[in-house]
PDB file of N, CA and C in Angstrom:
ATOM      1  N   UNK A   1     -73.563  77.617  -7.403  1.00  0.00           N
ATOM      2  CA  UNK A   1     -73.675  76.237  -6.950  1.00  0.00           C
ATOM      3  C   UNK A   1     -73.914  75.330  -8.154  1.00  0.00           C
ATOM      4  N   UNK A   2     -73.454  74.135  -8.041  1.00  0.00           N
ATOM      5  CA  UNK A   2     -73.572  73.130  -9.092  1.00  0.00           C
ATOM      6  C   UNK A   2     -75.024  72.664  -9.227  1.00  0.00           C
ATOM      7  N   UNK A   3     -75.426  72.344 -10.431  1.00  0.00           N
ATOM      8  CA  UNK A   3     -76.742  71.793 -10.720  1.00  0.00           C
ATOM      9  C   UNK A   3     -76.669  70.273 -10.544  1.00  0.00           C
ATOM     10  N   UNK A   4     -77.597  69.684  -9.787  1.00  0.00           N
ATOM     11  CA  UNK A   4     -77.506  68.259  -9.470  1.00  0.00           C
ATOM     12  C   UNK A   4     -77.626  67.371 -10.703  1.00  0.00           C
ATOM     13  N   UNK A   5     -78.409  67.779 -11.688  1.00  0.00           N
ATOM     14  CA  UNK A   5     -78.537  66.988 -12.912  1.00  0.00           C
ATOM     15  C   UNK A   5     -77.234  66.966 -13.683  1.00  0.00           C
ATOM     16  N   UNK A   6     -76.604  68.121 -13.802  1.00  0.00           N
ATOM     17  CA  UNK A   6     -75.324  68.203 -14.513  1.00  0.00           C
ATOM     18  C   UNK A   6     -74.224  67.454 -13.759  1.00  0.00           C
ATOM     19  N   UNK A   7     -74.258  67.545 -12.433  1.00  0.00           N
ATOM     20  CA  UNK A   7     -73.273  66.821 -11.627  1.00  0.00           C
ATOM     21  C   UNK A   7     -73.428  65.316 -11.825  1.00  0.00           C
ATOM     22  N   UNK A   8     -74.643  64.836 -11.841  1.00  0.00           N
ATOM     23  CA  UNK A   8     -74.881  63.414 -12.054  1.00  0.00           C
ATOM     24  C   UNK A   8     -74.357  62.992 -13.430  1.00  0.00           C
ATOM     25  N   UNK A   9     -74.628  63.788 -14.442  1.00  0.00           N
ATOM     26  CA  UNK A   9     -74.135  63.476 -15.787  1.00  0.00           C
ATOM     27  C   UNK A   9     -72.608  63.448 -15.825  1.00  0.00           C
ATOM     28  N   UNK A  10     -71.985  64.346 -15.099  1.00  0.00           N
ATOM     29  CA  UNK A  10     -70.517  64.397 -15.057  1.00  0.00           C
ATOM     30  C   UNK A  10     -69.964  63.138 -14.387  1.00  0.00           C
ATOM     31  N   UNK A  11     -70.555  62.749 -13.267  1.00  0.00           N
ATOM     32  CA  UNK A  11     -70.117  61.534 -12.576  1.00  0.00           C
ATOM     33  C   UNK A  11     -70.316  60.321 -13.489  1.00  0.00           C
ATOM     34  N   UNK A  12     -71.448  60.259 -14.174  1.00  0.00           N
ATOM     35  CA  UNK A  12     -71.717  59.149 -15.077  1.00  0.00           C
ATOM     36  C   UNK A  12     -70.736  59.130 -16.247  1.00  0.00           C
ATOM     37  N   UNK A  13     -70.302  60.301 -16.674  1.00  0.00           N
ATOM     38  CA  UNK A  13     -69.318  60.375 -17.747  1.00  0.00           C
ATOM     39  C   UNK A  13     -67.974  59.803 -17.337  1.00  0.00           C
ATOM     40  N   UNK A  14     -67.635  59.960 -16.075  1.00  0.00           N
ATOM     41  CA  UNK A  14     -66.367  59.442 -15.563  1.00  0.00           C
ATOM     42  C   UNK A  14     -66.512  57.975 -15.160  1.00  0.00           C
ATOM     43  N   UNK A  15     -67.615  57.651 -14.508  1.00  0.00           N
ATOM     44  CA  UNK A  15     -67.846  56.300 -13.994  1.00  0.00           C
ATOM     45  C   UNK A  15     -69.228  55.780 -14.411  1.00  0.00           C
ATOM     46  N   UNK A  16     -69.396  55.386 -15.661  1.00  0.00           N
ATOM     47  CA  UNK A  16     -70.711  54.891 -16.100  1.00  0.00           C
ATOM     48  C   UNK A  16     -71.163  53.627 -15.369  1.00  0.00           C
ATOM     49  N   UNK A  17     -70.226  52.889 -14.791  1.00  0.00           N
ATOM     50  CA  UNK A  17     -70.588  51.656 -14.092  1.00  0.00           C
ATOM     51  C   UNK A  17     -71.268  51.906 -12.750  1.00  0.00           C
ATOM     52  N   UNK A  18     -71.346  53.165 -12.314  1.00  0.00           N
ATOM     53  CA  UNK A  18     -72.030  53.471 -11.051  1.00  0.00           C
ATOM     54  C   UNK A  18     -73.543  53.373 -11.188  1.00  0.00           C
ATOM     55  N   UNK A  19     -74.063  53.416 -12.399  1.00  0.00           N
ATOM     56  CA  UNK A  19     -75.506  53.304 -12.579  1.00  0.00           C
ATOM     57  C   UNK A  19     -76.045  54.399 -13.455  1.00  0.00           C
ATOM     58  N   UNK A  20     -77.273  54.774 -13.195  1.00  0.00           N
ATOM     59  CA  UNK A  20     -77.904  55.832 -13.986  1.00  0.00           C
ATOM     60  C   UNK A  20     -78.541  56.859 -13.058  1.00  0.00           C
ATOM     61  N   UNK A  21     -78.552  58.076 -13.517  1.00  0.00           N
ATOM     62  CA  UNK A  21     -79.080  59.189 -12.722  1.00  0.00           C
ATOM     63  C   UNK A  21     -80.544  58.959 -12.361  1.00  0.00           C
ATOM     64  N   UNK A  22     -80.873  59.283 -11.139  1.00  0.00           N
ATOM     65  CA  UNK A  22     -82.221  59.195 -10.576  1.00  0.00           C
ATOM     66  C   UNK A  22     -82.775  57.772 -10.547  1.00  0.00           C
ATOM     67  N   UNK A  23     -81.946  56.809 -10.830  1.00  0.00           N
ATOM     68  CA  UNK A  23     -82.382  55.413 -10.708  1.00  0.00           C
ATOM     69  C   UNK A  23     -81.628  54.762  -9.550  1.00  0.00           C
ATOM     70  N   UNK A  24     -80.340  54.556  -9.718  1.00  0.00           N
ATOM     71  CA  UNK A  24     -79.554  54.043  -8.597  1.00  0.00           C
ATOM     72  C   UNK A  24     -78.405  54.981  -8.250  1.00  0.00           C
ATOM     73  N   UNK A  25     -78.386  56.143  -8.876  1.00  0.00           N
ATOM     74  CA  UNK A  25     -77.433  57.202  -8.537  1.00  0.00           C
ATOM     75  C   UNK A  25     -78.252  58.461  -8.302  1.00  0.00           C
ATOM     76  N   UNK A  26     -78.388  58.830  -7.040  1.00  0.00           N
ATOM     77  CA  UNK A  26     -79.254  59.957  -6.669  1.00  0.00           C
ATOM     78  C   UNK A  26     -78.410  61.004  -5.950  1.00  0.00           C
ATOM     79  N   UNK A  27     -78.539  62.230  -6.414  1.00  0.00           N
ATOM     80  CA  UNK A  27     -77.739  63.327  -5.877  1.00  0.00           C
ATOM     81  C   UNK A  27     -78.659  64.430  -5.373  1.00  0.00           C
ATOM     82  N   UNK A  28     -78.401  64.881  -4.159  1.00  0.00           N
ATOM     83  CA  UNK A  28     -79.153  65.987  -3.563  1.00  0.00           C
ATOM     84  C   UNK A  28     -78.222  66.833  -2.715  1.00  0.00           C
ATOM     85  N   UNK A  29     -78.572  68.095  -2.587  1.00  0.00           N
ATOM     86  CA  UNK A  29     -77.804  68.987  -1.721  1.00  0.00           C
ATOM     87  C   UNK A  29     -78.203  68.709  -0.279  1.00  0.00           C
ATOM     88  N   UNK A  30     -77.216  68.480   0.578  1.00  0.00           N
ATOM     89  CA  UNK A  30     -77.442  68.206   1.987  1.00  0.00           C
ATOM     90  C   UNK A  30     -77.075  69.459   2.785  1.00  0.00           C
ATOM     91  N   UNK A  31     -78.103  70.171   3.249  1.00  0.00           N
ATOM     92  CA  UNK A  31     -77.897  71.429   3.992  1.00  0.00           C
ATOM     93  C   UNK A  31     -77.099  71.199   5.270  1.00  0.00           C
ATOM     94  N   UNK A  32     -77.396  70.119   5.959  1.00  0.00           N
ATOM     95  CA  UNK A  32     -76.747  69.845   7.242  1.00  0.00           C
ATOM     96  C   UNK A  32     -75.239  69.689   7.086  1.00  0.00           C
ATOM     97  N   UNK A  33     -74.808  68.994   6.050  1.00  0.00           N
ATOM     98  CA  UNK A  33     -73.386  68.743   5.827  1.00  0.00           C
ATOM     99  C   UNK A  33     -72.741  69.734   4.864  1.00  0.00           C
ATOM    100  N   UNK A  34     -73.572  70.627   4.313  1.00  0.00           N
ATOM    101  CA  UNK A  34     -73.089  71.628   3.373  1.00  0.00           C
ATOM    102  C   UNK A  34     -72.263  70.977   2.244  1.00  0.00           C
ATOM    103  N   UNK A  35     -72.833  69.907   1.700  1.00  0.00           N
ATOM    104  CA  UNK A  35     -72.152  69.146   0.648  1.00  0.00           C
ATOM    105  C   UNK A  35     -73.206  68.398  -0.167  1.00  0.00           C
ATOM    106  N   UNK A  36     -72.785  67.896  -1.324  1.00  0.00           N
ATOM    107  CA  UNK A  36     -73.654  67.067  -2.138  1.00  0.00           C
ATOM    108  C   UNK A  36     -73.688  65.658  -1.558  1.00  0.00           C
ATOM    109  N   UNK A  37     -74.886  65.132  -1.328  1.00  0.00           N
ATOM    110  CA  UNK A  37     -75.055  63.749  -0.889  1.00  0.00           C
ATOM    111  C   UNK A  37     -75.266  62.914  -2.150  1.00  0.00           C
ATOM    112  N   UNK A  38     -74.364  61.995  -2.378  1.00  0.00           N
ATOM    113  CA  UNK A  38     -74.428  61.126  -3.546  1.00  0.00           C
ATOM    114  C   UNK A  38     -74.744  59.727  -3.038  1.00  0.00           C
ATOM    115  N   UNK A  39     -75.948  59.260  -3.350  1.00  0.00           N
ATOM    116  CA  UNK A  39     -76.390  57.932  -2.933  1.00  0.00           C
ATOM    117  C   UNK A  39     -76.392  57.011  -4.138  1.00  0.00           C
ATOM    118  N   UNK A  40     -75.766  55.851  -3.981  1.00  0.00           N
ATOM    119  CA  UNK A  40     -75.824  54.871  -5.054  1.00  0.00           C
ATOM    120  C   UNK A  40     -75.746  53.472  -4.484  1.00  0.00           C
ATOM    121  N   UNK A  41     -76.231  52.548  -5.287  1.00  0.00           N
ATOM    122  CA  UNK A  41     -76.192  51.144  -4.914  1.00  0.00           C
ATOM    123  C   UNK A  41     -75.285  50.439  -5.902  1.00  0.00           C
ATOM    124  N   UNK A  42     -74.332  49.716  -5.362  1.00  0.00           N
ATOM    125  CA  UNK A  42     -73.360  49.032  -6.206  1.00  0.00           C
ATOM    126  C   UNK A  42     -73.113  47.641  -5.642  1.00  0.00           C
ATOM    127  N   UNK A  43     -73.361  46.642  -6.458  1.00  0.00           N
ATOM    128  CA  UNK A  43     -73.148  45.248  -6.053  1.00  0.00           C
ATOM    129  C   UNK A  43     -73.929  44.909  -4.782  1.00  0.00           C
ATOM    130  N   UNK A  44     -75.154  45.407  -4.701  1.00  0.00           N
ATOM    131  CA  UNK A  44     -76.012  45.120  -3.565  1.00  0.00           C
ATOM    132  C   UNK A  44     -75.747  45.938  -2.316  1.00  0.00           C
ATOM    133  N   UNK A  45     -74.775  46.821  -2.370  1.00  0.00           N
ATOM    134  CA  UNK A  45     -74.428  47.644  -1.214  1.00  0.00           C
ATOM    135  C   UNK A  45     -74.848  49.091  -1.457  1.00  0.00           C
ATOM    136  N   UNK A  46     -75.576  49.663  -0.497  1.00  0.00           N
ATOM    137  CA  UNK A  46     -75.994  51.061  -0.605  1.00  0.00           C
ATOM    138  C   UNK A  46     -74.923  51.942   0.027  1.00  0.00           C
ATOM    139  N   UNK A  47     -74.542  52.957  -0.713  1.00  0.00           N
ATOM    140  CA  UNK A  47     -73.453  53.829  -0.277  1.00  0.00           C
ATOM    141  C   UNK A  47     -73.913  55.281  -0.347  1.00  0.00           C
ATOM    142  N   UNK A  48     -73.575  56.058   0.660  1.00  0.00           N
ATOM    143  CA  UNK A  48     -73.797  57.507   0.641  1.00  0.00           C
ATOM    144  C   UNK A  48     -72.436  58.157   0.785  1.00  0.00           C
ATOM    145  N   UNK A  49     -72.182  59.054  -0.138  1.00  0.00           N
ATOM    146  CA  UNK A  49     -70.906  59.756  -0.125  1.00  0.00           C
ATOM    147  C   UNK A  49     -71.191  61.254  -0.185  1.00  0.00           C
ATOM    148  N   UNK A  50     -70.434  62.026   0.561  1.00  0.00           N
ATOM    149  CA  UNK A  50     -70.584  63.482   0.532  1.00  0.00           C
ATOM    150  C   UNK A  50     -69.474  64.082  -0.308  1.00  0.00           C
ATOM    151  N   UNK A  51     -69.865  64.939  -1.215  1.00  0.00           N
ATOM    152  CA  UNK A  51     -68.935  65.583  -2.132  1.00  0.00           C
ATOM    153  C   UNK A  51     -68.997  67.091  -1.897  1.00  0.00           C
ATOM    154  N   UNK A  52     -67.882  67.664  -1.538  1.00  0.00           N
ATOM    155  CA  UNK A  52     -67.825  69.102  -1.281  1.00  0.00           C
ATOM    156  C   UNK A  52     -68.174  69.877  -2.548  1.00  0.00           C
ATOM    157  N   UNK A  53     -68.902  70.966  -2.388  1.00  0.00           N
ATOM    158  CA  UNK A  53     -69.326  71.770  -3.532  1.00  0.00           C
ATOM    159  C   UNK A  53     -68.129  72.319  -4.307  1.00  0.00           C
ATOM    160  N   UNK A  54     -67.060  72.688  -3.617  1.00  0.00           N
ATOM    161  CA  UNK A  54     -65.876  73.217  -4.299  1.00  0.00           C
ATOM    162  C   UNK A  54     -65.262  72.173  -5.232  1.00  0.00           C
ATOM    163  N   UNK A  55     -65.211  70.918  -4.795  1.00  0.00           N
ATOM    164  CA  UNK A  55     -64.682  69.842  -5.633  1.00  0.00           C
ATOM    165  C   UNK A  55     -65.596  69.593  -6.828  1.00  0.00           C
ATOM    166  N   UNK A  56     -66.895  69.576  -6.580  1.00  0.00           N
ATOM    167  CA  UNK A  56     -67.858  69.374  -7.653  1.00  0.00           C
ATOM    168  C   UNK A  56     -67.783  70.522  -8.656  1.00  0.00           C
ATOM    169  N   UNK A  57     -67.684  71.737  -8.178  1.00  0.00           N
ATOM    170  CA  UNK A  57     -67.607  72.912  -9.057  1.00  0.00           C
ATOM    171  C   UNK A  57     -66.364  72.888  -9.931  1.00  0.00           C
ATOM    172  N   UNK A  58     -65.226  72.552  -9.340  1.00  0.00           N
ATOM    173  CA  UNK A  58     -63.980  72.495 -10.101  1.00  0.00           C
ATOM    174  C   UNK A  58     -64.072  71.461 -11.217  1.00  0.00           C
ATOM    175  N   UNK A  59     -64.653  70.337 -10.924  1.00  0.00           N
ATOM    176  CA  UNK A  59     -64.782  69.292 -11.933  1.00  0.00           C
ATOM    177  C   UNK A  59     -65.768  69.712 -13.024  1.00  0.00           C
ATOM    178  N   UNK A  60     -66.860  70.323 -12.641  1.00  0.00           N
ATOM    179  CA  UNK A  60     -67.847  70.763 -13.626  1.00  0.00           C
ATOM    180  C   UNK A  60     -67.253  71.775 -14.603  1.00  0.00           C
ATOM    181  N   UNK A  61     -66.292  72.557 -14.136  1.00  0.00           N
ATOM    182  CA  UNK A  61     -65.634  73.547 -14.991  1.00  0.00           C
ATOM    183  C   UNK A  61     -64.424  72.955 -15.722  1.00  0.00           C
ATOM    184  N   UNK A  62     -64.268  71.628 -15.627  1.00  0.00           N
ATOM    185  CA  UNK A  62     -63.151  70.910 -16.251  1.00  0.00           C
ATOM    186  C   UNK A  62     -61.793  71.406 -15.786  1.00  0.00           C
ATOM    187  N   UNK A  63     -61.742  71.888 -14.560  1.00  0.00           N
ATOM    188  CA  UNK A  63     -60.467  72.338 -13.990  1.00  0.00           C
ATOM    189  C   UNK A  63     -59.730  71.186 -13.332  1.00  0.00           C
ATOM    190  N   UNK A  64     -60.459  70.426 -12.516  1.00  0.00           N
ATOM    191  CA  UNK A  64     -59.824  69.320 -11.806  1.00  0.00           C
ATOM    192  C   UNK A  64     -60.885  68.348 -11.322  1.00  0.00           C
ATOM    193  N   UNK A  65     -60.799  67.118 -11.805  1.00  0.00           N
ATOM    194  CA  UNK A  65     -61.720  66.077 -11.372  1.00  0.00           C
ATOM    195  C   UNK A  65     -60.994  64.994 -10.589  1.00  0.00           C
ATOM    196  N   UNK A  66     -59.749  65.220 -10.280  1.00  0.00           N
ATOM    197  CA  UNK A  66     -58.947  64.196  -9.598  1.00  0.00           C
ATOM    198  C   UNK A  66     -59.566  63.816  -8.259  1.00  0.00           C
ATOM    199  N   UNK A  67     -59.919  64.797  -7.444  1.00  0.00           N
ATOM    200  CA  UNK A  67     -60.494  64.510  -6.133  1.00  0.00           C
ATOM    201  C   UNK A  67     -61.763  63.696  -6.239  1.00  0.00           C
ATOM    202  N   UNK A  68     -62.638  64.096  -7.140  1.00  0.00           N
ATOM    203  CA  UNK A  68     -63.887  63.381  -7.319  1.00  0.00           C
ATOM    204  C   UNK A  68     -63.622  61.980  -7.869  1.00  0.00           C
ATOM    205  N   UNK A  69     -62.702  61.853  -8.774  1.00  0.00           N
ATOM    206  CA  UNK A  69     -62.373  60.548  -9.357  1.00  0.00           C
ATOM    207  C   UNK A  69     -61.816  59.592  -8.310  1.00  0.00           C
ATOM    208  N   UNK A  70     -60.963  60.090  -7.460  1.00  0.00           N
ATOM    209  CA  UNK A  70     -60.396  59.249  -6.401  1.00  0.00           C
ATOM    210  C   UNK A  70     -61.489  58.800  -5.440  1.00  0.00           C
ATOM    211  N   UNK A  71     -62.373  59.732  -5.085  1.00  0.00           N
ATOM    212  CA  UNK A  71     -63.420  59.405  -4.124  1.00  0.00           C
ATOM    213  C   UNK A  71     -64.355  58.326  -4.632  1.00  0.00           C
ATOM    214  N   UNK A  72     -64.799  58.432  -5.884  1.00  0.00           N
ATOM    215  CA  UNK A  72     -65.743  57.457  -6.412  1.00  0.00           C
ATOM    216  C   UNK A  72     -65.042  56.212  -6.939  1.00  0.00           C
ATOM    217  N   UNK A  73     -63.823  56.342  -7.374  1.00  0.00           N
ATOM    218  CA  UNK A  73     -63.062  55.207  -7.882  1.00  0.00           C
ATOM    219  C   UNK A  73     -62.816  54.132  -6.836  1.00  0.00           C
ATOM    220  N   UNK A  74     -62.790  54.526  -5.587  1.00  0.00           N
ATOM    221  CA  UNK A  74     -62.551  53.549  -4.513  1.00  0.00           C
ATOM    222  C   UNK A  74     -63.692  52.545  -4.371  1.00  0.00           C
ATOM    223  N   UNK A  75     -64.865  52.859  -4.905  1.00  0.00           N
ATOM    224  CA  UNK A  75     -66.001  51.975  -4.770  1.00  0.00           C
ATOM    225  C   UNK A  75     -66.097  50.945  -5.882  1.00  0.00           C
ATOM    226  N   UNK A  76     -65.280  51.090  -6.900  1.00  0.00           N
ATOM    227  CA  UNK A  76     -65.363  50.178  -8.050  1.00  0.00           C
ATOM    228  C   UNK A  76     -64.424  49.017  -7.947  1.00  0.00           C
TER     229      UNK A  76
END
């Protein structure tokens, strides 16, 4: 499973305008949804997005970040 600190750093590396880890970009494993819950505030709007572990893992291994990039890019 992906480490939440490393995942946050990876997201920040792709989209630094989303904020900073543990300040306005908070990531936790959501057991109920079996996915990473990514909470962030952007332009006064609070957003929660679920990121599948398989997508997060692929990106962390530098295999494919397209899915994650598309998902978070829509908020910018």
